[in-house]
Amino acid sequence: MREGVTGVLVDENDPAALARALEALIADPARRRALGVAGQARVHGEFALEANLERLARKFGLAGAAEAAVHADRVLRSA
């Protein structure tokens, strides 16, 4: 989570801060939407299966392995 970009951080021991943060988000639909869009983009970009497989394949020098794994996953999901 990136403060102010994909979400809002508050001290876990400060319920008043949580209430203020929630009130601010309730009052600002555009900000809620922007945080949600940014969070969704981050999840799709950084945590998608393809992205993780590509990173692992590069790390271990397995050229083509990521593409094969993604293809296998798609085949299995469509079965």
N, C-alpha and C. Protein backbone atom coordinates (compact mmCIF):
# COMPACT_ATOMS: atom_id res chain seq x y z
N MET A 1 0.85 -1.16 0.00
CA MET A 1 0.00 0.00 0.00
C MET A 1 0.90 1.23 0.00
N ARG A 2 0.55 2.17 -0.82
CA ARG A 2 1.30 3.42 -0.89
C ARG A 2 0.43 4.54 -0.35
N GLU A 3 0.89 5.11 0.75
CA GLU A 3 0.14 6.16 1.45
C GLU A 3 -0.26 7.27 0.50
N GLY A 4 -1.56 7.55 0.49
CA GLY A 4 -2.07 8.64 -0.31
C GLY A 4 -2.20 8.33 -1.79
N VAL A 5 -1.70 7.18 -2.22
CA VAL A 5 -1.77 6.79 -3.63
C VAL A 5 -2.74 5.63 -3.82
N THR A 6 -2.54 4.58 -3.03
CA THR A 6 -3.41 3.41 -3.13
C THR A 6 -4.20 3.17 -1.85
N GLY A 7 -4.02 4.01 -0.86
CA GLY A 7 -4.75 3.86 0.39
C GLY A 7 -4.37 4.93 1.39
N VAL A 8 -4.89 4.76 2.59
CA VAL A 8 -4.65 5.73 3.66
C VAL A 8 -4.17 4.96 4.88
N LEU A 9 -3.07 5.39 5.45
CA LEU A 9 -2.53 4.77 6.66
C LEU A 9 -2.95 5.55 7.89
N VAL A 10 -3.32 4.82 8.92
CA VAL A 10 -3.58 5.43 10.22
C VAL A 10 -2.92 4.57 11.28
N ASP A 11 -2.61 5.17 12.40
CA ASP A 11 -2.02 4.44 13.52
C ASP A 11 -3.02 3.39 14.00
N GLU A 12 -2.56 2.16 14.12
CA GLU A 12 -3.47 1.08 14.51
C GLU A 12 -4.04 1.24 15.91
N ASN A 13 -3.41 2.05 16.73
CA ASN A 13 -3.88 2.27 18.10
C ASN A 13 -4.61 3.60 18.27
N ASP A 14 -5.08 4.17 17.17
CA ASP A 14 -5.73 5.47 17.21
C ASP A 14 -7.09 5.42 16.52
N PRO A 15 -8.11 4.97 17.23
CA PRO A 15 -9.44 4.88 16.61
C PRO A 15 -9.96 6.23 16.11
N ALA A 16 -9.60 7.31 16.78
CA ALA A 16 -10.04 8.63 16.33
C ALA A 16 -9.44 8.96 14.96
N ALA A 17 -8.18 8.58 14.75
CA ALA A 17 -7.54 8.82 13.45
C ALA A 17 -8.22 7.99 12.36
N LEU A 18 -8.59 6.77 12.69
CA LEU A 18 -9.30 5.93 11.74
C LEU A 18 -10.65 6.56 11.38
N ALA A 19 -11.35 7.05 12.40
CA ALA A 19 -12.64 7.70 12.15
C ALA A 19 -12.47 8.92 11.26
N ARG A 20 -11.45 9.72 11.52
CA ARG A 20 -11.20 10.92 10.70
C ARG A 20 -10.89 10.52 9.25
N ALA A 21 -10.07 9.50 9.08
CA ALA A 21 -9.71 9.06 7.74
C ALA A 21 -10.94 8.56 6.99
N LEU A 22 -11.76 7.78 7.67
CA LEU A 22 -12.99 7.27 7.04
C LEU A 22 -13.95 8.40 6.70
N GLU A 23 -14.09 9.35 7.60
CA GLU A 23 -14.96 10.50 7.33
C GLU A 23 -14.47 11.28 6.11
N ALA A 24 -13.16 11.46 6.03
CA ALA A 24 -12.59 12.19 4.90
C ALA A 24 -12.86 11.45 3.59
N LEU A 25 -12.74 10.13 3.60
CA LEU A 25 -13.00 9.35 2.39
C LEU A 25 -14.48 9.34 2.04
N ILE A 26 -15.33 9.26 3.03
CA ILE A 26 -16.77 9.30 2.78
C ILE A 26 -17.15 10.63 2.12
N ALA A 27 -16.51 11.69 2.54
CA ALA A 27 -16.84 13.03 2.03
C ALA A 27 -16.21 13.32 0.67
N ASP A 28 -15.34 12.43 0.18
CA ASP A 28 -14.60 12.72 -1.06
C ASP A 28 -14.65 11.53 -2.03
N PRO A 29 -15.76 11.40 -2.77
CA PRO A 29 -15.89 10.26 -3.68
C PRO A 29 -14.80 10.21 -4.75
N ALA A 30 -14.34 11.37 -5.21
CA ALA A 30 -13.30 11.38 -6.24
C ALA A 30 -11.99 10.78 -5.69
N ARG A 31 -11.68 11.10 -4.46
CA ARG A 31 -10.46 10.54 -3.85
C ARG A 31 -10.61 9.03 -3.65
N ARG A 32 -11.79 8.60 -3.19
CA ARG A 32 -12.04 7.16 -3.03
C ARG A 32 -11.82 6.44 -4.35
N ARG A 33 -12.38 7.01 -5.40
CA ARG A 33 -12.25 6.40 -6.73
C ARG A 33 -10.80 6.36 -7.18
N ALA A 34 -10.08 7.46 -6.97
CA ALA A 34 -8.67 7.52 -7.38
C ALA A 34 -7.83 6.48 -6.62
N LEU A 35 -8.06 6.35 -5.33
CA LEU A 35 -7.34 5.35 -4.54
C LEU A 35 -7.66 3.94 -5.04
N GLY A 36 -8.93 3.69 -5.33
CA GLY A 36 -9.33 2.38 -5.81
C GLY A 36 -8.73 2.05 -7.17
N VAL A 37 -8.76 3.00 -8.08
CA VAL A 37 -8.19 2.79 -9.41
C VAL A 37 -6.68 2.54 -9.31
N ALA A 38 -6.00 3.34 -8.50
CA ALA A 38 -4.55 3.16 -8.34
C ALA A 38 -4.23 1.82 -7.68
N GLY A 39 -5.02 1.43 -6.70
CA GLY A 39 -4.80 0.15 -6.04
C GLY A 39 -5.02 -1.01 -6.99
N GLN A 40 -6.07 -0.94 -7.78
CA GLN A 40 -6.35 -2.00 -8.74
C GLN A 40 -5.23 -2.09 -9.78
N ALA A 41 -4.76 -0.95 -10.26
CA ALA A 41 -3.66 -0.95 -11.24
C ALA A 41 -2.41 -1.57 -10.64
N ARG A 42 -2.12 -1.27 -9.38
CA ARG A 42 -0.94 -1.84 -8.74
C ARG A 42 -1.07 -3.35 -8.61
N VAL A 43 -2.22 -3.82 -8.20
CA VAL A 43 -2.43 -5.27 -8.06
C VAL A 43 -2.25 -5.96 -9.41
N HIS A 44 -2.87 -5.41 -10.44
CA HIS A 44 -2.76 -6.04 -11.76
C HIS A 44 -1.34 -5.97 -12.30
N GLY A 45 -0.62 -4.90 -12.01
CA GLY A 45 0.74 -4.74 -12.52
C GLY A 45 1.80 -5.48 -11.74
N GLU A 46 1.67 -5.52 -10.43
CA GLU A 46 2.73 -6.09 -9.60
C GLU A 46 2.45 -7.49 -9.08
N PHE A 47 1.19 -7.87 -9.01
CA PHE A 47 0.87 -9.14 -8.38
C PHE A 47 0.18 -10.13 -9.32
N ALA A 48 0.03 -9.77 -10.58
CA ALA A 48 -0.59 -10.67 -11.54
C ALA A 48 0.31 -11.88 -11.76
N LEU A 49 -0.31 -12.99 -12.10
CA LEU A 49 0.43 -14.22 -12.33
C LEU A 49 1.55 -14.02 -13.35
N GLU A 50 1.22 -13.39 -14.46
CA GLU A 50 2.21 -13.20 -15.52
C GLU A 50 3.43 -12.41 -15.03
N ALA A 51 3.18 -11.34 -14.30
CA ALA A 51 4.28 -10.50 -13.81
C ALA A 51 5.17 -11.27 -12.86
N ASN A 52 4.57 -12.05 -11.96
CA ASN A 52 5.36 -12.81 -11.01
C ASN A 52 6.13 -13.93 -11.69
N LEU A 53 5.52 -14.60 -12.65
CA LEU A 53 6.23 -15.65 -13.36
C LEU A 53 7.40 -15.09 -14.16
N GLU A 54 7.19 -13.95 -14.78
CA GLU A 54 8.28 -13.33 -15.54
C GLU A 54 9.44 -12.94 -14.63
N ARG A 55 9.13 -12.38 -13.45
CA ARG A 55 10.19 -12.02 -12.51
C ARG A 55 10.97 -13.25 -12.06
N LEU A 56 10.24 -14.32 -11.74
CA LEU A 56 10.91 -15.55 -11.31
C LEU A 56 11.75 -16.15 -12.43
N ALA A 57 11.21 -16.16 -13.63
CA ALA A 57 11.95 -16.71 -14.76
C ALA A 57 13.24 -15.93 -14.99
N ARG A 58 13.17 -14.61 -14.92
CA ARG A 58 14.39 -13.79 -15.08
C ARG A 58 15.38 -14.07 -13.97
N LYS A 59 14.87 -14.16 -12.75
CA LYS A 59 15.75 -14.38 -11.60
C LYS A 59 16.53 -15.69 -11.73
N PHE A 60 15.86 -16.71 -12.22
CA PHE A 60 16.51 -18.02 -12.32
C PHE A 60 17.03 -18.33 -13.72
N GLY A 61 16.99 -17.34 -14.60
CA GLY A 61 17.53 -17.51 -15.94
C GLY A 61 16.79 -18.54 -16.77
N LEU A 62 15.50 -18.59 -16.63
CA LEU A 62 14.70 -19.58 -17.34
C LEU A 62 13.95 -18.92 -18.49
N ALA A 63 14.65 -18.61 -19.53
CA ALA A 63 14.04 -17.94 -20.68
C ALA A 63 12.91 -18.80 -21.24
N GLY A 64 11.77 -18.18 -21.45
CA GLY A 64 10.62 -18.87 -22.01
C GLY A 64 9.78 -19.60 -20.99
N ALA A 65 10.28 -19.78 -19.78
CA ALA A 65 9.54 -20.53 -18.76
C ALA A 65 8.27 -19.79 -18.34
N ALA A 66 8.35 -18.48 -18.25
CA ALA A 66 7.18 -17.71 -17.82
C ALA A 66 6.04 -17.85 -18.83
N GLU A 67 6.37 -17.74 -20.10
CA GLU A 67 5.34 -17.86 -21.12
C GLU A 67 4.71 -19.24 -21.08
N ALA A 68 5.52 -20.27 -20.91
CA ALA A 68 5.00 -21.64 -20.85
C ALA A 68 4.10 -21.82 -19.64
N ALA A 69 4.49 -21.27 -18.50
CA ALA A 69 3.68 -21.41 -17.29
C ALA A 69 2.36 -20.66 -17.43
N VAL A 70 2.39 -19.48 -18.01
CA VAL A 70 1.15 -18.72 -18.21
C VAL A 70 0.23 -19.49 -19.16
N HIS A 71 0.79 -20.04 -20.23
CA HIS A 71 -0.02 -20.81 -21.16
C HIS A 71 -0.63 -22.02 -20.46
N ALA A 72 0.16 -22.74 -19.68
CA ALA A 72 -0.34 -23.90 -18.95
C ALA A 72 -1.45 -23.50 -17.99
N ASP A 73 -1.28 -22.38 -17.30
CA ASP A 73 -2.32 -21.91 -16.37
C ASP A 73 -3.61 -21.62 -17.12
N ARG A 74 -3.52 -20.97 -18.26
CA ARG A 74 -4.72 -20.65 -19.05
C ARG A 74 -5.41 -21.92 -19.53
N VAL A 75 -4.62 -22.89 -19.96
CA VAL A 75 -5.21 -24.15 -20.42
C VAL A 75 -5.93 -24.84 -19.26
N LEU A 76 -5.29 -24.88 -18.10
CA LEU A 76 -5.90 -25.52 -16.94
C LEU A 76 -7.17 -24.81 -16.50
N ARG A 77 -7.18 -23.50 -16.55
CA ARG A 77 -8.36 -22.73 -16.13
C ARG A 77 -9.52 -22.91 -17.10
N SER A 78 -9.21 -23.13 -18.37
CA SER A 78 -10.28 -23.26 -19.35
C SER A 78 -10.84 -24.69 -19.41
N ALA A 79 -10.18 -25.62 -18.76
CA ALA A 79 -10.63 -27.04 -18.80
C ALA A 79 -11.84 -27.27 -17.92
